[in-house]
Amino acid sequence: MVPPAWLEPLQALVDNRLDARDRTRFIGLIGDHPSSYARSPRIWNPALDALGIDAVYLPLDVPADRLAAVVDIVRRADCLGANVTVPYKIDVLPLLDDVDETARAVGAVNTITRGRRGRLIGSNTDGAGLLEALAGDASDSLMVSLEGARVLLIGAGGAGRAAAAALAPRLGGGELLVTNRHLDRAAAVARSATDRGCRSAVIPDVSLEEYLPAVDLVINASSRGQAGIRKSPAGWTCLEPYSALAPATPPALPSSSEEAFLAAWPARSAADVTANHAVSRARVRRLSTRAVVYDMVYAPLETVTLRHAREAGLLGANGRQMNVAQAVIAFVDHICTEALAAAGLDPAAVRATATRVMSHAWEG
């Protein structure tokens, strides 16, 4: 079979190998290295097959200087749309034609729908996915209720913004505490929560200890703990060995082969990782025994943050259910809406099928 016209130009822009799987259309996952950790291709492709949609879902490892060119291919090629992951959920905004109300409130996009004539509309399903993961199913919910809860949010990027926007209207008399390496970004997230009717405060890392005993829920919306090598002009580094509950200053090594990096990096990072773990374990012990720790990261399945929480006897969960829930919303309500309508499929039945297939595939 002749490769689709979009494959070669798209391949020239990304760092990972692409397999079109004999499909004429594609959906992309745009990030810096999603091919090394993302579960989305594993769950989207079976759902596309189950519902008879002629498209393949592809992780796209996109260097920052090629982001605009990749989005342009999404606009011009035979593409249904894309998902966006770290670190581009905010950077992609000026490359789109419009964003919906949710994405506008969040100030970040994780879903791009390609409309007629290549019009690109940004949406954000992260917040809805988070709420589903925390309290969506009463039989398996992490939080009986978010009303009145005091939440510590770690991270002020796209995922943190989505979490704040979703949580703020539901905390009632509670409070959102935001901490981040860059306090100006934390302040922007806190202000957005206040604008949506929630008490909020910015907490510098050095002050976390005094707030932790009164925290009901910790949410990691940062990339600390995420698997994979992160590549940037400053060099290569890795965040997987770190807990989100403590400072991390991972060394960046000069660009090299992955084998050379993996041989050199553990020794160079050992002291920083050890210090991070010591602070994290001390902090997790200051949390109430009733506190819940939720990590949006799902690769590895148990992050360092969650391992420390488990060692302290706390209830914790990774980003699996959030990942599935936000994917179902993006699939049914955004990216594949027109294709599903053209096939004459019942929306409720489609949602049930997508949820079942994606949940099963995630575990596979």
Protein backbone atom coordinates (compact mmCIF):
# COMPACT_ATOMS: atom_id res chain seq x y z
CA MET A 1 0.00 0.00 0.00
CA VAL A 2 1.22 3.50 -0.86
CA PRO A 3 2.05 5.48 2.33
CA PRO A 4 -0.34 8.39 2.99
CA ALA A 5 0.85 11.76 1.72
CA TRP A 6 1.22 13.17 5.23
CA LEU A 7 3.61 10.49 6.53
CA GLU A 8 6.89 11.62 4.98
CA PRO A 9 6.65 15.34 5.85
CA LEU A 10 5.46 14.52 9.37
CA GLN A 11 8.26 11.98 9.85
CA ALA A 12 10.81 14.64 8.86
CA LEU A 13 9.69 16.83 11.78
CA VAL A 14 9.58 14.32 14.66
CA ASP A 15 12.29 12.37 16.45
CA ASN A 16 10.50 9.00 16.71
CA ARG A 17 9.62 6.51 13.99
CA LEU A 18 6.02 6.62 12.74
CA ASP A 19 3.88 3.70 11.58
CA ALA A 20 0.79 4.68 9.59
CA ARG A 21 -0.71 1.17 9.96
CA ASP A 22 -2.22 1.38 6.44
CA ARG A 23 -4.55 4.17 7.57
CA THR A 24 -5.35 7.21 5.49
CA ARG A 25 -5.84 9.68 8.36
CA PHE A 26 -4.05 10.33 11.64
CA ILE A 27 -4.48 11.81 15.10
CA GLY A 28 -1.30 13.04 16.77
CA LEU A 29 -0.10 13.30 20.34
CA ILE A 30 2.17 16.35 20.39
CA GLY A 31 4.80 16.53 23.13
CA ASP A 32 8.54 16.54 23.67
CA HIS A 33 8.88 12.76 24.12
CA PRO A 34 5.47 11.05 24.36
CA SER A 35 6.69 7.98 22.45
CA SER A 36 8.68 6.95 25.53
CA TYR A 37 5.88 7.02 28.09
CA ALA A 38 2.40 7.91 26.74
CA ARG A 39 -0.39 5.33 27.02
CA SER A 40 -2.65 7.29 24.69
CA PRO A 41 -1.69 5.41 21.49
CA ARG A 42 -2.32 2.14 23.33
CA ILE A 43 -5.88 3.16 24.22
CA TRP A 44 -6.90 5.31 21.23
CA ASN A 45 -5.98 2.88 18.47
CA PRO A 46 -8.17 0.01 19.79
CA ALA A 47 -11.06 2.48 20.20
CA LEU A 48 -10.63 3.73 16.63
CA ASP A 49 -10.63 0.11 15.43
CA ALA A 50 -13.68 -0.85 17.52
CA LEU A 51 -15.70 2.04 16.13
CA GLY A 52 -14.58 1.64 12.53
CA ILE A 53 -12.77 4.97 12.16
CA ASP A 54 -10.07 4.95 9.46
CA ALA A 55 -7.34 6.72 11.41
CA VAL A 56 -4.18 5.92 13.37
CA TYR A 57 -3.16 7.60 16.62
CA LEU A 58 0.55 8.51 16.68
CA PRO A 59 2.85 9.83 19.42
CA LEU A 60 4.89 12.73 18.05
CA ASP A 61 8.22 13.59 19.68
CA VAL A 62 8.42 17.24 18.65
CA PRO A 63 11.42 19.53 19.31
CA ALA A 64 10.30 23.00 20.37
CA ASP A 65 11.57 24.64 17.19
CA ARG A 66 9.35 22.35 15.07
CA LEU A 67 6.10 22.76 17.01
CA ALA A 68 4.59 25.29 14.58
CA ALA A 69 5.49 23.13 11.57
CA VAL A 70 3.85 20.05 13.11
CA VAL A 71 0.67 22.01 13.92
CA ASP A 72 0.68 23.22 10.32
CA ILE A 73 0.66 19.60 9.10
CA VAL A 74 -2.28 18.89 11.41
CA ARG A 75 -4.03 21.81 9.71
CA ARG A 76 -3.21 20.85 6.10
CA ALA A 77 -3.07 17.05 6.12
CA ASP A 78 -5.76 14.38 6.26
CA CYS A 79 -5.95 14.62 10.04
CA LEU A 80 -8.81 14.48 12.53
CA GLY A 81 -6.98 16.47 15.20
CA ALA A 82 -4.44 16.04 17.96
CA ASN A 83 -3.83 15.83 21.66
CA VAL A 84 -1.18 18.00 23.30
CA THR A 85 0.95 16.99 26.26
CA VAL A 86 3.92 18.46 28.16
CA PRO A 87 5.45 20.90 27.56
CA TYR A 88 3.30 22.41 24.78
CA LYS A 89 -0.20 22.83 26.28
CA ILE A 90 0.33 26.58 26.58
CA ASP A 91 2.80 27.11 23.72
CA VAL A 92 0.31 25.73 21.18
CA LEU A 93 -2.33 28.40 21.89
CA PRO A 94 -1.16 31.08 19.41
CA LEU A 95 -0.98 28.45 16.64
CA LEU A 96 -4.73 27.72 16.78
CA ASP A 97 -7.68 29.51 15.20
CA ASP A 98 -9.84 29.49 18.32
CA VAL A 99 -10.32 27.82 21.69
CA ASP A 100 -13.52 26.80 23.45
CA GLU A 101 -14.75 28.18 26.77
CA THR A 102 -13.04 25.53 28.90
CA ALA A 103 -9.66 25.98 27.25
CA ARG A 104 -10.02 29.75 27.49
CA ALA A 105 -10.71 29.52 31.24
CA VAL A 106 -7.74 27.19 31.73
CA GLY A 107 -5.36 29.03 29.43
CA ALA A 108 -4.05 25.73 28.07
CA VAL A 109 -5.04 23.17 25.44
CA ASN A 110 -4.74 19.37 25.48
CA THR A 111 -7.10 18.65 22.55
CA ILE A 112 -7.17 20.07 19.03
CA THR A 113 -10.10 19.38 16.71
CA ARG A 114 -9.54 19.90 12.99
CA GLY A 115 -12.65 21.30 11.41
CA ARG A 116 -13.57 21.91 7.82
CA ARG A 117 -10.96 23.68 5.70
CA GLY A 118 -8.34 23.01 8.35
CA ARG A 119 -9.72 25.25 11.09
CA LEU A 120 -8.11 24.22 14.41
CA ILE A 121 -10.11 24.56 17.65
CA GLY A 122 -8.46 24.01 21.03
CA SER A 123 -10.18 22.38 23.99
CA ASN A 124 -9.14 21.11 27.40
CA THR A 125 -10.42 17.81 28.83
CA ASP A 126 -7.84 17.47 31.63
CA GLY A 127 -10.00 19.09 34.32
CA ALA A 128 -13.03 16.92 33.61
CA GLY A 129 -10.79 13.86 33.58
CA LEU A 130 -9.31 14.82 36.94
CA LEU A 131 -12.73 15.26 38.57
CA GLU A 132 -13.78 11.86 37.21
CA ALA A 133 -10.65 10.29 38.69
CA LEU A 134 -11.11 11.92 42.10
CA ALA A 135 -14.83 11.56 42.68
CA GLY A 136 -16.56 10.29 39.57
CA ASP A 137 -17.55 6.80 40.70
CA ALA A 138 -18.92 6.71 44.25
CA SER A 139 -17.97 3.04 44.58
CA ASP A 140 -14.31 3.73 43.82
CA SER A 141 -13.79 7.41 44.52
CA LEU A 142 -10.66 8.77 46.16
CA MET A 143 -12.55 11.67 47.74
CA VAL A 144 -16.03 11.29 49.22
CA SER A 145 -16.48 14.99 48.52
CA LEU A 146 -14.32 17.92 47.44
CA GLU A 147 -16.55 20.36 49.30
CA GLY A 148 -14.50 22.16 51.95
CA ALA A 149 -11.26 20.36 51.08
CA ARG A 150 -7.86 21.96 51.34
CA VAL A 151 -5.90 20.96 48.22
CA LEU A 152 -2.18 21.34 47.59
CA LEU A 153 -1.56 21.64 43.85
CA ILE A 154 2.02 21.06 42.72
CA GLY A 155 2.71 22.53 39.30
CA ALA A 156 1.46 25.55 37.36
CA GLY A 157 1.79 24.44 33.76
CA GLY A 158 -1.05 23.35 31.52
CA ALA A 159 -2.08 20.42 33.72
CA GLY A 160 -1.97 22.57 36.86
CA ARG A 161 -4.09 25.27 35.25
CA ALA A 162 -6.67 22.69 34.20
CA ALA A 163 -6.76 21.22 37.70
CA ALA A 164 -7.27 24.63 39.30
CA ALA A 165 -10.07 25.59 36.90
CA ALA A 166 -11.91 22.31 37.52
CA LEU A 167 -11.43 22.24 41.30
CA ALA A 168 -12.15 25.88 42.15
CA PRO A 169 -15.97 25.79 41.79
CA ARG A 170 -16.16 22.54 43.79
CA LEU A 171 -14.10 23.30 46.88
CA GLY A 172 -16.79 25.41 48.53
CA GLY A 173 -15.35 26.62 51.82
CA GLY A 174 -12.07 24.86 51.10
CA GLU A 175 -8.85 26.30 49.75
CA LEU A 176 -6.44 25.72 46.87
CA LEU A 177 -2.77 26.01 47.78
CA VAL A 178 -0.50 26.30 44.73
CA THR A 179 3.24 25.67 44.74
CA ASN A 180 5.59 25.77 41.79
CA ARG A 181 9.24 26.34 41.02
CA HIS A 182 8.31 29.65 39.39
CA LEU A 183 6.14 31.54 41.90
CA ASP A 184 4.83 34.00 39.32
CA ARG A 185 3.19 31.11 37.48
CA ALA A 186 1.80 29.76 40.75
CA ALA A 187 0.35 33.19 41.45
CA ALA A 188 -1.39 33.24 38.06
CA VAL A 189 -2.99 29.85 38.76
CA ALA A 190 -4.07 30.96 42.24
CA ARG A 191 -5.63 34.14 40.84
CA SER A 192 -7.57 32.13 38.28
CA ALA A 193 -8.95 29.93 41.08
CA THR A 194 -9.94 33.00 43.09
CA ASP A 195 -11.71 34.40 40.03
CA ARG A 196 -13.77 31.19 39.92
CA GLY A 197 -14.90 31.59 43.53
CA CYS A 198 -12.26 29.66 45.47
CA ARG A 199 -9.98 30.75 48.28
CA SER A 200 -6.41 30.28 47.14
CA ALA A 201 -2.84 30.98 48.17
CA VAL A 202 0.67 30.66 46.74
CA ILE A 203 2.99 28.56 48.91
CA PRO A 204 6.76 28.80 48.38
CA ASP A 205 8.45 25.43 48.62
CA VAL A 206 10.36 26.46 51.75
CA SER A 207 7.04 27.00 53.57
CA LEU A 208 5.31 23.73 52.67
CA GLU A 209 5.97 22.01 55.99
CA GLU A 210 3.73 24.33 57.99
CA TYR A 211 0.76 23.80 55.63
CA LEU A 212 0.94 20.04 55.10
CA PRO A 213 -0.81 18.86 58.31
CA ALA A 214 -4.06 20.58 57.24
CA VAL A 215 -3.97 19.37 53.60
CA ASP A 216 -6.68 16.88 52.55
CA LEU A 217 -5.53 16.24 48.99
CA VAL A 218 -2.16 16.56 47.26
CA ILE A 219 -2.19 16.70 43.45
CA ASN A 220 0.99 16.46 41.43
CA ALA A 221 0.45 18.28 38.15
CA SER A 222 4.17 18.67 37.49
CA SER A 223 6.38 16.35 35.45
CA ARG A 224 8.57 15.40 38.42
CA GLY A 225 8.53 11.62 38.52
CA GLN A 226 7.70 11.11 34.83
CA ALA A 227 9.59 8.44 32.93
CA GLY A 228 11.79 9.14 29.94
CA ILE A 229 14.74 11.26 28.95
CA ARG A 230 13.93 14.93 28.52
CA LYS A 231 15.86 16.61 25.72
CA SER A 232 16.34 20.36 25.42
CA PRO A 233 18.93 22.82 24.12
CA ALA A 234 20.37 22.92 27.66
CA GLY A 235 21.08 19.20 27.53
CA TRP A 236 19.47 15.90 28.45
CA THR A 237 18.02 15.09 31.85
CA CYS A 238 15.52 12.79 33.58
CA LEU A 239 12.83 13.46 36.20
CA GLU A 240 11.73 9.89 36.92
CA PRO A 241 13.82 9.38 40.11
CA TYR A 242 12.34 12.47 41.80
CA SER A 243 9.40 13.05 44.12
CA ALA A 244 7.11 15.99 43.39
CA LEU A 245 6.93 16.72 47.11
CA ALA A 246 10.47 18.08 47.30
CA PRO A 247 12.78 20.36 45.31
CA ALA A 248 14.61 18.85 42.34
CA THR A 249 17.56 20.26 40.41
CA PRO A 250 18.40 17.44 38.02
CA PRO A 251 21.66 17.90 36.14
CA ALA A 252 21.51 18.42 32.40
CA LEU A 253 24.20 16.57 30.46
CA PRO A 254 25.42 17.48 26.97
CA SER A 255 23.43 15.89 24.18
CA SER A 256 24.77 12.45 23.39
CA SER A 257 23.56 8.96 22.68
CA GLU A 258 20.96 7.54 25.05
CA GLU A 259 23.41 4.83 26.08
CA ALA A 260 26.04 7.39 27.07
CA PHE A 261 23.48 9.46 28.95
CA LEU A 262 22.13 6.48 30.90
CA ALA A 263 25.66 5.48 31.83
CA ALA A 264 26.66 8.91 33.12
CA TRP A 265 23.48 10.42 34.55
CA PRO A 266 22.85 8.24 37.66
CA ALA A 267 26.18 9.15 39.23
CA ARG A 268 25.82 12.83 38.37
CA SER A 269 22.31 13.01 39.84
CA ALA A 270 22.76 10.75 42.90
CA ALA A 271 23.29 13.49 45.49
CA ASP A 272 20.34 15.55 44.25
CA VAL A 273 18.02 12.52 44.12
CA THR A 274 19.04 11.50 47.66
CA ALA A 275 18.31 14.98 48.98
CA ASN A 276 14.97 15.05 47.18
CA HIS A 277 13.92 11.73 48.71
CA ALA A 278 14.90 12.76 52.22
CA VAL A 279 12.79 15.93 52.08
CA SER A 280 9.89 14.11 50.42
CA ARG A 281 9.74 11.36 53.06
CA ALA A 282 9.85 13.94 55.84
CA ARG A 283 7.08 15.97 54.25
CA VAL A 284 4.77 13.06 53.54
CA ARG A 285 4.94 12.16 57.24
CA ARG A 286 3.56 15.60 58.07
CA LEU A 287 0.38 14.90 56.11
CA SER A 288 -2.71 13.70 57.95
CA THR A 289 -3.30 9.95 57.87
CA ARG A 290 -6.55 10.79 56.05
CA ALA A 291 -4.81 12.75 53.27
CA VAL A 292 -4.97 11.51 49.68
CA VAL A 293 -2.07 11.82 47.22
CA TYR A 294 -2.98 11.96 43.52
CA ASP A 295 -0.24 11.93 40.88
CA MET A 296 -1.24 12.82 37.32
CA VAL A 297 1.87 10.98 36.13
CA TYR A 298 1.16 7.37 35.13
CA ALA A 299 4.53 6.26 33.75
CA PRO A 300 5.93 4.70 35.85
CA LEU A 301 2.77 3.28 37.41
CA GLU A 302 4.13 4.03 40.88
CA THR A 303 6.07 7.27 40.96
CA VAL A 304 8.47 8.14 43.75
CA THR A 305 5.79 10.48 45.12
CA LEU A 306 3.28 7.63 45.33
CA ARG A 307 5.83 5.22 46.76
CA HIS A 308 6.60 7.62 49.61
CA ALA A 309 2.86 8.09 50.22
CA ARG A 310 2.35 4.31 50.32
CA GLU A 311 5.26 3.87 52.73
CA ALA A 312 3.55 6.41 55.03
CA GLY A 313 0.25 4.48 54.86
CA LEU A 314 -1.58 7.09 52.75
CA LEU A 315 -4.13 6.47 50.02
CA GLY A 316 -2.76 7.37 46.60
CA ALA A 317 -3.43 6.86 42.90
CA ASN A 318 -1.69 7.51 39.59
CA GLY A 319 -3.05 9.23 36.50
CA ARG A 320 -4.59 6.13 34.89
CA GLN A 321 -8.26 6.94 35.43
CA MET A 322 -7.74 10.61 34.56
CA ASN A 323 -5.93 9.59 31.38
CA VAL A 324 -8.79 7.32 30.29
CA ALA A 325 -11.54 9.77 31.26
CA GLN A 326 -10.04 12.77 29.47
CA ALA A 327 -9.31 10.59 26.43
CA VAL A 328 -12.92 9.43 26.16
CA ILE A 329 -14.12 13.05 26.31
CA ALA A 330 -11.58 14.15 23.69
CA PHE A 331 -12.49 11.19 21.45
CA VAL A 332 -16.29 11.42 21.60
CA ASP A 333 -16.94 15.13 22.13
CA HIS A 334 -14.14 16.69 20.08
CA ILE A 335 -11.68 14.98 17.76
CA CYS A 336 -13.89 12.20 16.36
CA THR A 337 -17.29 13.90 16.60
CA GLU A 338 -17.77 14.41 12.86
CA ALA A 339 -16.48 10.94 11.94
CA LEU A 340 -18.83 9.33 14.46
CA ALA A 341 -21.78 11.37 13.22
CA ALA A 342 -21.01 10.45 9.63
CA ALA A 343 -21.11 6.79 10.62
CA GLY A 344 -24.53 7.29 12.20
CA LEU A 345 -23.43 5.95 15.59
CA ASP A 346 -25.40 6.61 18.78
CA PRO A 347 -23.40 8.99 21.02
CA ALA A 348 -24.29 7.20 24.27
CA ALA A 349 -23.33 3.82 22.83
CA VAL A 350 -20.10 5.27 21.44
CA ARG A 351 -19.16 6.72 24.83
CA ALA A 352 -19.78 3.38 26.54
CA THR A 353 -17.75 1.52 23.91
CA ALA A 354 -14.88 3.99 24.03
CA THR A 355 -14.75 3.85 27.83
CA ARG A 356 -14.80 0.05 27.89
CA VAL A 357 -12.22 -0.41 25.13
CA MET A 358 -9.86 2.29 26.39
CA SER A 359 -10.02 1.05 29.99
CA HIS A 360 -9.28 -2.52 28.91
CA ALA A 361 -6.46 -1.46 26.56
CA TRP A 362 -4.85 0.70 29.26
CA GLU A 363 -4.46 -2.35 31.47
CA GLY A 364 -3.18 -4.52 28.60
